[in-house]
Protein backbone atom coordinates (compact mmCIF):
# COMPACT_ATOMS: atom_id res chain seq x y z
CA MET A 1 -133.34 169.90 -6.84
CA LYS A 2 -131.90 168.93 -3.50
CA VAL A 3 -128.42 169.78 -2.23
CA GLU A 4 -126.96 167.33 0.30
CA TYR A 5 -123.83 167.51 2.42
CA LYS A 6 -121.62 164.45 1.84
CA GLY A 7 -118.47 165.08 3.83
CA ARG A 8 -115.01 166.43 3.19
CA MET A 9 -112.39 165.99 0.47
CA ASP A 10 -108.72 166.97 0.31
CA ARG A 11 -108.85 167.93 3.99
CA CYS A 12 -110.46 171.34 3.64
CA PHE A 13 -113.20 171.07 0.97
CA ASP A 14 -116.75 170.42 2.13
CA VAL A 15 -118.57 168.36 -0.49
CA TRP A 16 -122.19 169.07 -1.42
CA ILE A 17 -124.01 167.00 -4.03
CA VAL A 18 -126.88 167.91 -6.34
CA ASP A 19 -128.61 164.91 -7.91
CA THR A 20 -129.90 165.71 -11.38
CA GLU A 21 -130.75 163.89 -14.58
CA LYS A 22 -128.93 166.61 -16.54
CA PRO A 23 -125.65 167.24 -14.71
CA LEU A 24 -123.87 168.88 -17.66
CA GLU A 25 -126.72 171.31 -18.24
CA LEU A 26 -126.80 172.24 -14.56
CA PHE A 27 -123.03 172.66 -14.54
CA LYS A 28 -123.22 175.04 -17.52
CA SER A 29 -125.83 177.12 -15.68
CA LEU A 30 -123.66 177.26 -12.56
CA GLU A 31 -120.75 178.20 -14.77
CA GLU A 32 -122.56 181.07 -16.47
CA VAL A 33 -123.73 182.63 -13.19
CA SER A 34 -120.26 182.27 -11.68
CA TRP A 35 -118.61 183.97 -14.67
CA LYS A 36 -120.81 187.03 -14.27
CA ILE A 37 -119.74 187.38 -10.64
CA ILE A 38 -116.07 186.73 -11.32
CA GLU A 39 -115.92 189.21 -14.21
CA ASP A 40 -117.10 191.99 -11.87
CA SER A 41 -114.50 191.21 -9.21
CA GLU A 42 -110.82 192.07 -9.25
CA ALA A 43 -110.09 189.64 -6.41
CA LEU A 44 -111.63 186.57 -8.04
CA SER A 45 -110.33 184.47 -10.93
CA PHE A 46 -111.11 181.02 -12.25
CA TRP A 47 -109.84 177.92 -13.99
CA ASP A 48 -112.36 176.31 -16.28
CA SER A 49 -112.66 173.02 -18.17
CA GLU A 50 -115.43 171.06 -19.87
CA ASP A 51 -116.86 169.70 -16.62
CA SER A 52 -115.13 171.62 -13.81
CA LEU A 53 -114.90 175.25 -12.69
CA SER A 54 -112.58 176.37 -9.90
CA VAL A 55 -112.89 179.84 -8.36
CA TYR A 56 -109.83 181.45 -6.79
CA PHE A 57 -109.55 184.37 -4.40
CA GLN A 58 -106.48 186.58 -4.65
CA CYS A 59 -105.04 187.81 -1.36
CA TYR A 60 -101.63 189.48 -0.97
CA GLY A 61 -100.59 188.27 -4.39
CA ARG A 62 -101.49 184.64 -3.73
CA PHE A 63 -104.38 182.70 -5.25
CA ARG A 64 -106.44 180.34 -3.10
CA GLU A 65 -109.14 178.01 -4.38
CA ILE A 66 -112.36 178.72 -2.51
CA LEU A 67 -115.00 177.01 -4.63
CA ARG A 68 -115.30 174.30 -7.27
CA PHE A 69 -118.24 173.11 -9.35
CA GLN A 70 -117.77 169.68 -10.87
CA ALA A 71 -120.10 167.76 -13.21
CA ARG A 72 -120.29 164.00 -12.69
CA PRO A 73 -122.37 162.70 -15.62
CA GLU A 74 -121.69 159.05 -14.79
CA LEU A 75 -123.38 159.56 -11.40
CA ASN A 76 -126.03 162.05 -12.50
CA GLN A 77 -124.56 164.54 -10.05
CA VAL A 78 -122.97 167.94 -9.76
CA ALA A 79 -120.52 168.27 -6.90
CA ILE A 80 -120.02 171.58 -5.15
CA LEU A 81 -116.73 171.75 -3.26
CA ILE A 82 -116.46 174.63 -0.80
CA ASN A 83 -113.27 175.54 1.02
CA SER A 84 -114.22 175.13 4.68
CA GLU A 85 -111.59 177.69 5.66
CA SER A 86 -113.21 180.41 3.52
CA SER A 87 -116.57 182.00 4.31
CA LEU A 88 -116.35 183.70 0.90
CA GLY A 89 -116.54 180.35 -0.89
CA GLU A 90 -119.72 179.40 0.95
CA SER A 91 -121.29 182.82 0.35
CA LEU A 92 -120.49 182.61 -3.36
CA ALA A 93 -121.91 179.08 -3.65
CA ARG A 94 -125.05 180.13 -1.82
CA PHE A 95 -125.52 183.14 -4.12
CA VAL A 96 -124.97 181.14 -7.32
CA LEU A 97 -127.46 178.45 -6.23
CA HIS A 98 -129.97 181.10 -5.20
CA GLU A 99 -129.77 182.65 -8.67
CA LEU A 100 -130.74 179.26 -10.10
CA LYS A 101 -133.49 178.83 -7.51
CA ILE A 102 -131.72 175.89 -5.87
CA ASP A 103 -132.02 175.78 -2.09
CA TYR A 104 -128.72 175.61 -0.23
CA PRO A 105 -129.58 174.05 3.15
CA THR A 106 -128.00 175.04 6.43
CA ILE A 107 -126.38 172.18 8.32
CA SER A 108 -125.62 172.34 12.03
CA ALA A 109 -122.11 171.80 13.36
CA GLU A 110 -123.33 168.66 15.13
CA ASP A 111 -124.81 167.16 11.96
CA LYS A 112 -121.66 168.01 10.01
CA ARG A 113 -119.50 166.30 12.64
CA ALA A 114 -121.71 163.22 12.41
CA VAL A 115 -121.31 163.06 8.63
CA LEU A 116 -117.55 163.57 8.87
CA ALA A 117 -117.27 160.89 11.58
CA GLU A 118 -119.12 158.39 9.37
CA GLN A 119 -116.96 159.35 6.39
CA PHE A 120 -113.79 158.86 8.46
CA ARG A 121 -115.08 155.46 9.61
CA GLU A 122 -115.81 154.34 6.05
CA GLU A 123 -112.39 155.50 4.85
CA ARG A 124 -110.69 153.66 7.69
CA LEU A 125 -112.61 150.46 6.95
CA LYS A 126 -111.72 150.78 3.27
CA LYS A 127 -108.03 150.97 4.13
CA VAL A 128 -108.34 147.92 6.39
CA ARG A 129 -110.06 145.95 3.61
CA GLU A 130 -107.35 146.93 1.14
CA SER A 131 -104.65 145.81 3.57
CA LEU A 132 -106.02 142.26 4.04
CA THR A 133 -103.57 139.54 3.03
CA PRO A 134 -104.00 135.81 2.24
CA ILE A 135 -102.80 135.10 5.80
CA ASP A 136 -105.63 137.23 7.20
CA TYR A 137 -108.21 135.21 5.27
CA GLN A 138 -106.64 131.96 6.48
CA VAL A 139 -106.78 133.24 10.05
CA LEU A 140 -110.42 134.19 9.55
CA ASN A 141 -111.29 130.75 8.22
CA LEU A 142 -109.55 128.88 11.05
CA ARG A 143 -110.77 131.21 13.77
CA SER A 144 -114.40 130.91 12.62
CA MET A 145 -114.07 127.12 12.99
CA GLY A 146 -113.07 127.55 16.62
CA VAL A 147 -109.32 127.06 16.22
CA SER A 148 -107.29 128.74 18.97
CA MET A 149 -104.91 131.60 18.27
CA ARG A 150 -101.98 129.48 19.42
CA ALA A 151 -102.96 126.62 17.11
CA ILE A 152 -103.44 129.02 14.19
CA SER A 153 -99.97 130.40 14.81
CA GLU A 154 -98.48 126.89 14.68
CA GLN A 155 -100.49 125.74 11.66
CA LEU A 156 -99.69 128.83 9.57
CA ALA A 157 -96.10 129.08 10.85
CA VAL A 158 -96.49 132.71 11.88
CA SER A 159 -95.94 134.41 15.21
CA PHE A 160 -98.67 134.58 17.84
CA GLY A 161 -98.49 138.38 17.64
CA LYS A 162 -99.16 138.21 13.90
CA VAL A 163 -102.28 136.15 14.49
CA ARG A 164 -103.50 138.51 17.20
CA CYS A 165 -102.96 141.56 14.96
CA SER A 166 -104.76 139.81 12.13
CA ILE A 167 -107.78 139.05 14.32
CA GLU A 168 -107.88 142.63 15.59
CA LYS A 169 -107.84 143.85 11.98
CA LEU A 170 -110.59 141.43 10.94
CA SER A 171 -112.77 142.23 13.95
CA SER A 172 -112.84 145.92 12.95
CA LEU A 173 -114.72 144.98 9.77
CA PRO A 174 -118.45 144.32 10.39
CA GLU A 175 -118.72 141.63 7.71
CA MET A 176 -115.64 139.84 9.09
CA ALA A 177 -116.54 140.31 12.76
CA GLU A 178 -119.76 138.41 12.09
CA LYS A 179 -117.74 135.40 10.92
CA LEU A 180 -115.38 135.68 13.86
CA GLY A 181 -118.47 135.61 16.04
CA ALA A 182 -118.82 131.91 15.21
CA PHE A 183 -115.83 131.32 17.48
CA LYS A 184 -116.83 129.86 20.84
CA ALA A 185 -114.77 130.23 23.97
CA MET A 186 -112.76 127.12 24.81
CA SER A 187 -111.36 125.83 28.06
CA ARG A 188 -107.75 126.60 28.95
CA VAL A 189 -106.73 123.08 27.88
CA GLU A 190 -108.64 123.17 24.60
CA ARG A 191 -107.13 126.54 23.71
CA PHE A 192 -103.70 125.00 23.27
CA LYS A 193 -104.74 121.92 21.33
CA LYS A 194 -103.59 121.62 17.72
CA PRO A 195 -106.17 121.99 14.97
CA LEU A 196 -106.16 118.30 14.07
CA GLN A 197 -106.77 117.34 17.67
CA GLN A 198 -109.69 119.77 17.85
CA GLN A 199 -111.36 118.25 14.82
CA ARG A 200 -111.42 114.73 16.29
C-alpha cells in the first residue's frame, strides 16, 4: 500500500491518503494498533466511531487532537490526518503504519510547499467558480465575440468597473481564460463602438 501526501485540512492537519480496496478493514487494523498504544499511555485518549478514530494528547489539563484515522469507503481510501503542530502525532502515525508494514514516506519541505500551493490554488479557483453570476457569463459571451468593455457595460446596463471586475474574475479561471482569448485587440475607435455597430 502506498501513502501519499495530499495537502492540509482545517488549517493545521496534514492529510495523507492510503488507497485500498478494503478501507474499512484497514481502518479496523489501524484502530486496533492505536488502541494498544493509547491504553498504555496516561497522556493519550481517543474518540472513536464506526469509521473514524481521533487521538488526543493531554497537556496541562487540556486535550488536543494530534491524529485522526478516517475510513472513506466511497473513495476506497483511508485518510490519515496529522496535526502539523505536533511531532507526537506524526511519530504515532509512523509507528502505527510501521506495525502494519505500511511505508510512511518522508516528504521534503519544498515538496510539501508545492502541494500546499497547488491545493491553495485549486481552492481559490473553486471559490471563484462558485461566485460566478449570470452577468459574468454574459460578459464572457460578449467579450469572446470581441465586444469592447465599454460596449458590454452599455448593453448589460452595468458599470464599467463591474465589467472589468468580471473579466478579471473570468481570466483567473483557465477554462474561461481560453474563451476570453478569442478576443482580439481593437483600434481606439472600434473599442467604443456599440455591439450592434460591431456586428455590421
